[in-house]
Amino acid sequence: SIALVDHWCNYSERFTSKAPFDSVPDTIAVMDEAAAAALQAEGCPPGLLLVTGQPHFDEVIRDSATLSKTEVRQELDVDSGRTLLVFASEPQGRYYGNSLGYNEQDALRALLESAAEVAPDAEVVVKLHPLEAPDAFSDLPETERRVAVRVVRAYPPEHLIRAADVILGMTSVLLLEAVLTG
């Protein structure tokens, strides 16, 4: 049997019934050496680990090379000279309540305040997480007066990454994808 670990947290919890790592498959596939080291640090037997990479990230890197920033901005109807900020939202409040000291509304509010001060001519695109309600932030384009805002749900993340000048968020994998694609 094999387990594919595609996220970098809660390692021991995934493979524990009564004691850490007492319920393991024959092989645990991880995306990189850092994940393998973290699992070992938590007590996972090293003989179970296989570093396989993460095919999704390979695809993101490959596919992003085919996207034109100019074409994607035209697709989005964003002027080539305008600063474009993309906020990768996530339902932090839904999962953590107030335990983090912030939620997606707080993070977005801080972004909008900063953008209004530093780049008032910028446009902010809020990319909703698939688990967020479709109407999350729906009133924002009409109520935000300091900077232009739009909210998107089903727009391809790789297009937003290519079009953006800055990608912002909290813990979104979109942040990692932006780094991997330059």
C-alpha atoms as a PDB file:
ATOM      1  CA  SER A   1       0.000   0.000   0.000  1.00  0.00           C
ATOM      2  CA  ILE A   2       1.090   3.577  -0.597  1.00  0.00           C
ATOM      3  CA  ALA A   3       0.035   6.905   0.841  1.00  0.00           C
ATOM      4  CA  LEU A   4       0.573  10.104  -1.129  1.00  0.00           C
ATOM      5  CA  VAL A   5       1.284  12.971   1.248  1.00  0.00           C
ATOM      6  CA  ASP A   6       0.550  16.156  -0.694  1.00  0.00           C
ATOM      7  CA  HIS A   7       0.487  18.640   2.151  1.00  0.00           C
ATOM      8  CA  TRP A   8       3.206  19.684   4.567  1.00  0.00           C
ATOM      9  CA  CYS A   9       1.470  19.396   7.915  1.00  0.00           C
ATOM     10  CA  ASN A  10      -0.275  16.951  10.225  1.00  0.00           C
ATOM     11  CA  TYR A  11       2.121  14.157   9.340  1.00  0.00           C
ATOM     12  CA  SER A  12       1.928  12.036  12.461  1.00  0.00           C
ATOM     13  CA  GLU A  13      -1.841  12.520  12.772  1.00  0.00           C
ATOM     14  CA  ARG A  14      -2.328  10.889   9.370  1.00  0.00           C
ATOM     15  CA  PHE A  15      -0.606   7.677  10.433  1.00  0.00           C
ATOM     16  CA  THR A  16      -1.505   7.347  14.111  1.00  0.00           C
ATOM     17  CA  SER A  17      -4.164   5.261  15.825  1.00  0.00           C
ATOM     18  CA  LYS A  18      -2.878   4.815  19.361  1.00  0.00           C
ATOM     19  CA  ALA A  19       0.802   5.721  19.055  1.00  0.00           C
ATOM     20  CA  PRO A  20       2.666   7.863  16.517  1.00  0.00           C
ATOM     21  CA  PHE A  21       3.132   6.054  13.202  1.00  0.00           C
ATOM     22  CA  ASP A  22       1.453   2.822  14.327  1.00  0.00           C
ATOM     23  CA  SER A  23      -0.816   2.788  11.241  1.00  0.00           C
ATOM     24  CA  VAL A  24       1.395   3.128   8.201  1.00  0.00           C
ATOM     25  CA  PRO A  25       1.274   1.872   4.621  1.00  0.00           C
ATOM     26  CA  ASP A  26       4.174   0.052   2.955  1.00  0.00           C
ATOM     27  CA  THR A  27       5.341   3.332   1.408  1.00  0.00           C
ATOM     28  CA  ILE A  28       4.711   7.004   2.100  1.00  0.00           C
ATOM     29  CA  ALA A  29       5.303   9.129  -0.997  1.00  0.00           C
ATOM     30  CA  VAL A  30       6.246  12.739  -0.285  1.00  0.00           C
ATOM     31  CA  MET A  31       6.849  15.678  -2.594  1.00  0.00           C
ATOM     32  CA  ASP A  32      10.374  16.646  -1.517  1.00  0.00           C
ATOM     33  CA  GLU A  33      13.309  16.031   0.824  1.00  0.00           C
ATOM     34  CA  ALA A  34      11.998  18.676   3.236  1.00  0.00           C
ATOM     35  CA  ALA A  35       8.757  16.717   3.687  1.00  0.00           C
ATOM     36  CA  ALA A  36      10.736  13.496   4.166  1.00  0.00           C
ATOM     37  CA  ALA A  37      12.916  15.159   6.807  1.00  0.00           C
ATOM     38  CA  ALA A  38       9.871  16.569   8.609  1.00  0.00           C
ATOM     39  CA  LEU A  39       8.206  13.148   8.706  1.00  0.00           C
ATOM     40  CA  GLN A  40      11.392  11.568  10.051  1.00  0.00           C
ATOM     41  CA  ALA A  41      11.694  14.306  12.685  1.00  0.00           C
ATOM     42  CA  GLU A  42       8.192  13.379  13.879  1.00  0.00           C
ATOM     43  CA  GLY A  43       9.222   9.723  14.217  1.00  0.00           C
ATOM     44  CA  CYS A  44       8.319   8.163  10.872  1.00  0.00           C
ATOM     45  CA  PRO A  45      10.525   5.193   9.994  1.00  0.00           C
ATOM     46  CA  PRO A  46      12.793   6.423   7.154  1.00  0.00           C
ATOM     47  CA  GLY A  47      12.525   3.134   5.233  1.00  0.00           C
ATOM     48  CA  LEU A  48       8.885   3.942   4.407  1.00  0.00           C
ATOM     49  CA  LEU A  49       9.590   7.245   2.655  1.00  0.00           C
ATOM     50  CA  LEU A  50       9.846   7.791  -1.077  1.00  0.00           C
ATOM     51  CA  VAL A  51      10.444  11.250  -2.531  1.00  0.00           C
ATOM     52  CA  THR A  52       8.367  11.440  -5.716  1.00  0.00           C
ATOM     53  CA  GLY A  53       7.989  15.149  -6.400  1.00  0.00           C
ATOM     54  CA  GLN A  54       4.659  16.896  -6.979  1.00  0.00           C
ATOM     55  CA  PRO A  55       3.367  16.529 -10.557  1.00  0.00           C
ATOM     56  CA  HIS A  56       0.939  19.424 -10.120  1.00  0.00           C
ATOM     57  CA  PHE A  57       3.794  21.855  -9.595  1.00  0.00           C
ATOM     58  CA  ASP A  58       5.654  20.466 -12.601  1.00  0.00           C
ATOM     59  CA  GLU A  59       2.529  21.081 -14.708  1.00  0.00           C
ATOM     60  CA  VAL A  60       2.089  24.608 -13.344  1.00  0.00           C
ATOM     61  CA  ILE A  61       5.684  25.473 -14.224  1.00  0.00           C
ATOM     62  CA  ARG A  62       5.396  23.943 -17.711  1.00  0.00           C
ATOM     63  CA  ASP A  63       2.013  25.497 -18.515  1.00  0.00           C
ATOM     64  CA  SER A  64       2.906  28.957 -17.205  1.00  0.00           C
ATOM     65  CA  ALA A  65       5.664  29.216 -19.797  1.00  0.00           C
ATOM     66  CA  THR A  66       3.002  29.191 -22.524  1.00  0.00           C
ATOM     67  CA  LEU A  67       0.989  32.087 -21.079  1.00  0.00           C
ATOM     68  CA  SER A  68       1.535  35.643 -22.230  1.00  0.00           C
ATOM     69  CA  LYS A  69       1.173  38.326 -19.565  1.00  0.00           C
ATOM     70  CA  THR A  70      -0.117  40.737 -22.198  1.00  0.00           C
ATOM     71  CA  GLU A  71      -2.745  38.288 -23.472  1.00  0.00           C
ATOM     72  CA  VAL A  72      -3.942  37.358 -19.988  1.00  0.00           C
ATOM     73  CA  ARG A  73      -4.250  41.029 -19.025  1.00  0.00           C
ATOM     74  CA  GLN A  74      -6.291  41.617 -22.185  1.00  0.00           C
ATOM     75  CA  GLU A  75      -8.445  38.633 -21.230  1.00  0.00           C
ATOM     76  CA  LEU A  76      -8.973  40.248 -17.814  1.00  0.00           C
ATOM     77  CA  ASP A  77      -9.425  43.720 -19.327  1.00  0.00           C
ATOM     78  CA  VAL A  78      -6.574  45.134 -17.241  1.00  0.00           C
ATOM     79  CA  ASP A  79      -4.383  47.821 -18.773  1.00  0.00           C
ATOM     80  CA  SER A  80      -0.784  46.699 -19.259  1.00  0.00           C
ATOM     81  CA  GLY A  81       0.508  49.681 -17.260  1.00  0.00           C
ATOM     82  CA  ARG A  82      -1.806  49.246 -14.274  1.00  0.00           C
ATOM     83  CA  THR A  83      -0.550  47.518 -11.133  1.00  0.00           C
ATOM     84  CA  LEU A  84      -2.472  44.279 -10.605  1.00  0.00           C
ATOM     85  CA  LEU A  85      -2.609  42.754  -7.130  1.00  0.00           C
ATOM     86  CA  VAL A  86      -4.115  39.282  -6.745  1.00  0.00           C
ATOM     87  CA  PHE A  87      -5.340  38.216  -3.313  1.00  0.00           C
ATOM     88  CA  ALA A  88      -5.649  34.442  -2.872  1.00  0.00           C
ATOM     89  CA  SER A  89      -8.465  34.193  -0.361  1.00  0.00           C
ATOM     90  CA  GLU A  90      -9.178  31.213   1.867  1.00  0.00           C
ATOM     91  CA  PRO A  91     -11.867  30.512   4.462  1.00  0.00           C
ATOM     92  CA  GLN A  92      -9.484  30.927   7.423  1.00  0.00           C
ATOM     93  CA  GLY A  93     -12.259  32.072   9.750  1.00  0.00           C
ATOM     94  CA  ARG A  94     -14.278  28.972   8.923  1.00  0.00           C
ATOM     95  CA  TYR A  95     -11.432  26.662   9.891  1.00  0.00           C
ATOM     96  CA  TYR A  96      -9.710  28.537  12.695  1.00  0.00           C
ATOM     97  CA  GLY A  97     -12.241  31.011  14.044  1.00  0.00           C
ATOM     98  CA  ASN A  98     -10.265  33.748  15.794  1.00  0.00           C
ATOM     99  CA  SER A  99      -7.405  31.506  16.938  1.00  0.00           C
ATOM    100  CA  LEU A 100      -4.947  32.833  14.315  1.00  0.00           C
ATOM    101  CA  GLY A 101      -5.532  36.451  15.248  1.00  0.00           C
ATOM    102  CA  TYR A 102      -6.744  37.202  11.722  1.00  0.00           C
ATOM    103  CA  ASN A 103      -9.046  35.823   9.053  1.00  0.00           C
ATOM    104  CA  GLU A 104      -9.515  36.374   5.328  1.00  0.00           C
ATOM    105  CA  GLN A 105     -11.509  39.581   5.897  1.00  0.00           C
ATOM    106  CA  ASP A 106      -8.748  41.019   8.079  1.00  0.00           C
ATOM    107  CA  ALA A 107      -6.040  40.124   5.565  1.00  0.00           C
ATOM    108  CA  LEU A 108      -7.989  41.603   2.671  1.00  0.00           C
ATOM    109  CA  ARG A 109      -8.781  44.755   4.644  1.00  0.00           C
ATOM    110  CA  ALA A 110      -5.047  45.206   5.367  1.00  0.00           C
ATOM    111  CA  LEU A 111      -4.249  44.693   1.688  1.00  0.00           C
ATOM    112  CA  LEU A 112      -6.833  47.261   0.574  1.00  0.00           C
ATOM    113  CA  GLU A 113      -5.609  49.805   3.126  1.00  0.00           C
ATOM    114  CA  SER A 114      -2.017  49.338   1.980  1.00  0.00           C
ATOM    115  CA  ALA A 115      -2.938  49.442  -1.707  1.00  0.00           C
ATOM    116  CA  ALA A 116      -4.915  52.656  -1.198  1.00  0.00           C
ATOM    117  CA  GLU A 117      -1.855  54.253   0.368  1.00  0.00           C
ATOM    118  CA  VAL A 118       0.933  52.830  -1.795  1.00  0.00           C
ATOM    119  CA  ALA A 119      -0.742  52.102  -5.161  1.00  0.00           C
ATOM    120  CA  PRO A 120      -4.139  53.843  -5.351  1.00  0.00           C
ATOM    121  CA  ASP A 121      -4.315  53.264  -9.121  1.00  0.00           C
ATOM    122  CA  ALA A 122      -3.909  49.508  -8.685  1.00  0.00           C
ATOM    123  CA  GLU A 123      -6.584  46.945  -9.295  1.00  0.00           C
ATOM    124  CA  VAL A 124      -7.124  44.177  -6.761  1.00  0.00           C
ATOM    125  CA  VAL A 125      -8.480  40.822  -7.882  1.00  0.00           C
ATOM    126  CA  VAL A 126      -9.779  38.635  -5.066  1.00  0.00           C
ATOM    127  CA  LYS A 127      -9.521  34.979  -6.084  1.00  0.00           C
ATOM    128  CA  LEU A 128     -11.966  32.961  -4.007  1.00  0.00           C
ATOM    129  CA  HIS A 129     -10.984  29.582  -2.635  1.00  0.00           C
ATOM    130  CA  PRO A 130     -13.172  26.716  -3.922  1.00  0.00           C
ATOM    131  CA  LEU A 131     -14.521  26.188  -0.386  1.00  0.00           C
ATOM    132  CA  GLU A 132     -15.592  29.814   0.036  1.00  0.00           C
ATOM    133  CA  ALA A 133     -19.183  30.771  -0.600  1.00  0.00           C
ATOM    134  CA  PRO A 134     -19.718  32.018  -4.164  1.00  0.00           C
ATOM    135  CA  ASP A 135     -20.991  35.326  -2.797  1.00  0.00           C
ATOM    136  CA  ALA A 136     -18.042  35.907  -0.445  1.00  0.00           C
ATOM    137  CA  PHE A 137     -16.935  39.523  -0.829  1.00  0.00           C
ATOM    138  CA  SER A 138     -19.663  40.068  -3.457  1.00  0.00           C
ATOM    139  CA  ASP A 139     -20.398  43.591  -2.172  1.00  0.00           C
ATOM    140  CA  LEU A 140     -16.753  44.634  -2.243  1.00  0.00           C
ATOM    141  CA  PRO A 141     -16.581  45.988  -5.817  1.00  0.00           C
ATOM    142  CA  GLU A 142     -19.416  48.412  -5.011  1.00  0.00           C
ATOM    143  CA  THR A 143     -18.396  49.354  -1.457  1.00  0.00           C
ATOM    144  CA  GLU A 144     -14.614  49.720  -1.820  1.00  0.00           C
ATOM    145  CA  ARG A 145     -13.985  53.321  -2.885  1.00  0.00           C
ATOM    146  CA  ARG A 146     -10.199  53.587  -2.540  1.00  0.00           C
ATOM    147  CA  VAL A 147      -9.015  51.060  -5.160  1.00  0.00           C
ATOM    148  CA  ALA A 148     -10.644  49.086  -7.948  1.00  0.00           C
ATOM    149  CA  VAL A 149     -11.631  45.569  -6.857  1.00  0.00           C
ATOM    150  CA  ARG A 150     -13.132  42.559  -8.546  1.00  0.00           C
ATOM    151  CA  VAL A 151     -13.903  39.121  -7.168  1.00  0.00           C
ATOM    152  CA  VAL A 152     -13.414  35.966  -9.227  1.00  0.00           C
ATOM    153  CA  ARG A 153     -14.186  32.390  -8.427  1.00  0.00           C
ATOM    154  CA  ALA A 154     -13.689  30.117 -11.428  1.00  0.00           C
ATOM    155  CA  TYR A 155     -10.881  31.932 -13.188  1.00  0.00           C
ATOM    156  CA  PRO A 156      -7.709  29.859 -13.848  1.00  0.00           C
ATOM    157  CA  PRO A 157      -5.170  30.555 -11.093  1.00  0.00           C
ATOM    158  CA  GLU A 158      -2.228  30.226 -13.496  1.00  0.00           C
ATOM    159  CA  HIS A 159      -3.698  33.064 -15.586  1.00  0.00           C
ATOM    160  CA  LEU A 160      -3.986  35.286 -12.519  1.00  0.00           C
ATOM    161  CA  ILE A 161      -0.416  34.487 -11.547  1.00  0.00           C
ATOM    162  CA  ARG A 162       0.867  35.387 -15.006  1.00  0.00           C
ATOM    163  CA  ALA A 163      -1.137  38.640 -15.143  1.00  0.00           C
ATOM    164  CA  ALA A 164      -0.341  39.862 -11.627  1.00  0.00           C
ATOM    165  CA  ASP A 165       2.392  42.168 -10.456  1.00  0.00           C
ATOM    166  CA  VAL A 166       2.017  40.871  -6.904  1.00  0.00           C
ATOM    167  CA  ILE A 167       0.318  37.766  -5.482  1.00  0.00           C
ATOM    168  CA  LEU A 168      -0.798  38.061  -1.859  1.00  0.00           C
ATOM    169  CA  GLY A 169      -2.471  35.662   0.523  1.00  0.00           C
ATOM    170  CA  MET A 170      -2.256  33.856   3.806  1.00  0.00           C
ATOM    171  CA  THR A 171      -1.374  30.174   3.351  1.00  0.00           C
ATOM    172  CA  SER A 172      -2.624  29.500  -0.172  1.00  0.00           C
ATOM    173  CA  VAL A 173      -0.817  27.104  -2.481  1.00  0.00           C
ATOM    174  CA  LEU A 174      -1.288  29.866  -5.059  1.00  0.00           C
ATOM    175  CA  LEU A 175       1.573  31.662  -3.299  1.00  0.00           C
ATOM    176  CA  LEU A 176       3.888  28.703  -3.856  1.00  0.00           C
ATOM    177  CA  GLU A 177       2.754  28.383  -7.477  1.00  0.00           C
ATOM    178  CA  ALA A 178       3.566  32.061  -8.016  1.00  0.00           C
ATOM    179  CA  VAL A 179       7.076  31.553  -6.663  1.00  0.00           C
ATOM    180  CA  LEU A 180       7.640  28.426  -8.760  1.00  0.00           C
ATOM    181  CA  THR A 181       6.595  30.228 -11.930  1.00  0.00           C
ATOM    182  CA  GLY A 182       8.722  33.278 -11.255  1.00  0.00           C
END
